[in-house]
Amino acid sequence: MFGSEYIARIVTFSRRDLEDFLMTTVDITGQLAGYMAQARDMRLAPDVAQEAKHRILDALAAMVSGSHLPAGEMAIRFARAR
């Protein structure tokens, strides 16, 4: 659905439809928040933990190596000036 047909559908969105949409969004957000609160007590599978460690180290290495590139040096000068 594109163009004016799409806009017409948005404009005719009823208040009840909007309330239903917002309640669904809030419910999904609440469910995600509940899961995340419980997840901190869960153990990761060993292979998942190992892969996560690799991703963290890779990100740190990219930050360190990037700090010596022209854009990284400009970012450092900007941060120090603040």
Protein backbone atom coordinates (compact mmCIF):
# COMPACT_ATOMS: atom_id res chain seq x y z
CA MET A 1 0.00 0.00 0.00
CA PHE A 2 1.59 3.25 -1.12
CA GLY A 3 0.83 6.90 -1.68
CA SER A 4 -2.58 8.42 -1.04
CA GLU A 5 -4.14 5.05 -0.19
CA TYR A 6 -1.64 4.65 2.65
CA ILE A 7 -2.19 8.21 3.89
CA ALA A 8 -5.98 7.76 3.76
CA ARG A 9 -5.66 4.68 5.95
CA ILE A 10 -3.57 6.56 8.50
CA VAL A 11 -5.99 9.49 8.55
CA THR A 12 -8.98 7.20 9.09
CA PHE A 13 -7.27 5.33 11.92
CA SER A 14 -9.87 5.42 14.67
CA ARG A 15 -9.16 6.39 18.24
CA ARG A 16 -9.97 2.81 19.33
CA ASP A 17 -7.50 1.43 16.75
CA LEU A 18 -4.86 3.80 18.05
CA GLU A 19 -5.55 2.81 21.67
CA ASP A 20 -5.36 -0.89 20.73
CA PHE A 21 -2.09 -0.28 18.90
CA LEU A 22 -0.58 1.60 21.83
CA MET A 23 -1.69 -1.04 24.35
CA THR A 24 -0.16 -3.77 22.19
CA THR A 25 3.07 -1.80 21.98
CA VAL A 26 3.11 -1.24 25.74
CA ASP A 27 2.37 -4.92 26.30
CA ILE A 28 5.23 -5.98 24.02
CA THR A 29 7.58 -3.53 25.73
CA GLY A 30 6.50 -4.83 29.14
CA GLN A 31 7.06 -8.40 28.05
CA LEU A 32 10.52 -7.56 26.72
CA ALA A 33 11.41 -5.70 29.93
CA GLY A 34 10.25 -8.67 32.00
CA TYR A 35 12.32 -11.07 29.92
CA MET A 36 15.41 -8.87 30.16
CA ALA A 37 15.02 -8.61 33.94
CA GLN A 38 14.92 -12.40 34.17
CA ALA A 39 17.68 -12.91 31.60
CA ARG A 40 20.38 -11.44 33.83
CA ASP A 41 20.05 -14.54 36.04
CA MET A 42 20.28 -16.95 33.09
CA ARG A 43 23.52 -18.55 31.95
CA LEU A 44 24.60 -18.28 28.35
CA ALA A 45 25.55 -21.43 26.49
CA PRO A 46 29.37 -21.76 26.48
CA ASP A 47 29.64 -21.26 22.70
CA VAL A 48 27.43 -18.15 22.89
CA ALA A 49 29.53 -16.70 25.73
CA GLN A 50 32.72 -17.36 23.72
CA GLU A 51 31.29 -15.66 20.61
CA ALA A 52 30.18 -12.68 22.71
CA LYS A 53 33.70 -12.33 24.11
CA HIS A 54 35.10 -12.35 20.57
CA ARG A 55 32.67 -9.61 19.49
CA ILE A 56 33.57 -7.45 22.49
CA LEU A 57 37.30 -7.85 21.89
CA ASP A 58 36.83 -7.13 18.18
CA ALA A 59 34.96 -3.91 19.00
CA LEU A 60 37.67 -2.81 21.44
CA ALA A 61 40.40 -3.57 18.88
CA ALA A 62 38.53 -1.54 16.24
CA MET A 63 38.31 1.40 18.66
CA VAL A 64 42.01 1.27 19.50
CA SER A 65 43.17 0.89 15.90
CA GLY A 66 40.68 3.49 14.67
CA SER A 67 41.99 6.03 17.15
CA HIS A 68 45.13 6.34 15.02
CA LEU A 69 43.26 7.07 11.80
CA PRO A 70 42.55 10.69 10.81
CA ALA A 71 38.86 10.49 11.77
CA GLY A 72 39.75 8.92 15.13
CA GLU A 73 42.33 11.59 15.85
CA MET A 74 39.77 14.29 15.05
CA ALA A 75 37.29 12.65 17.42
CA ILE A 76 39.90 12.55 20.18
CA ARG A 77 40.75 16.25 19.68
CA PHE A 78 37.02 17.09 19.75
CA ALA A 79 36.45 15.11 22.96
CA ARG A 80 39.46 16.68 24.68
CA ALA A 81 38.28 20.16 23.72
CA ARG A 82 35.00 19.61 25.58
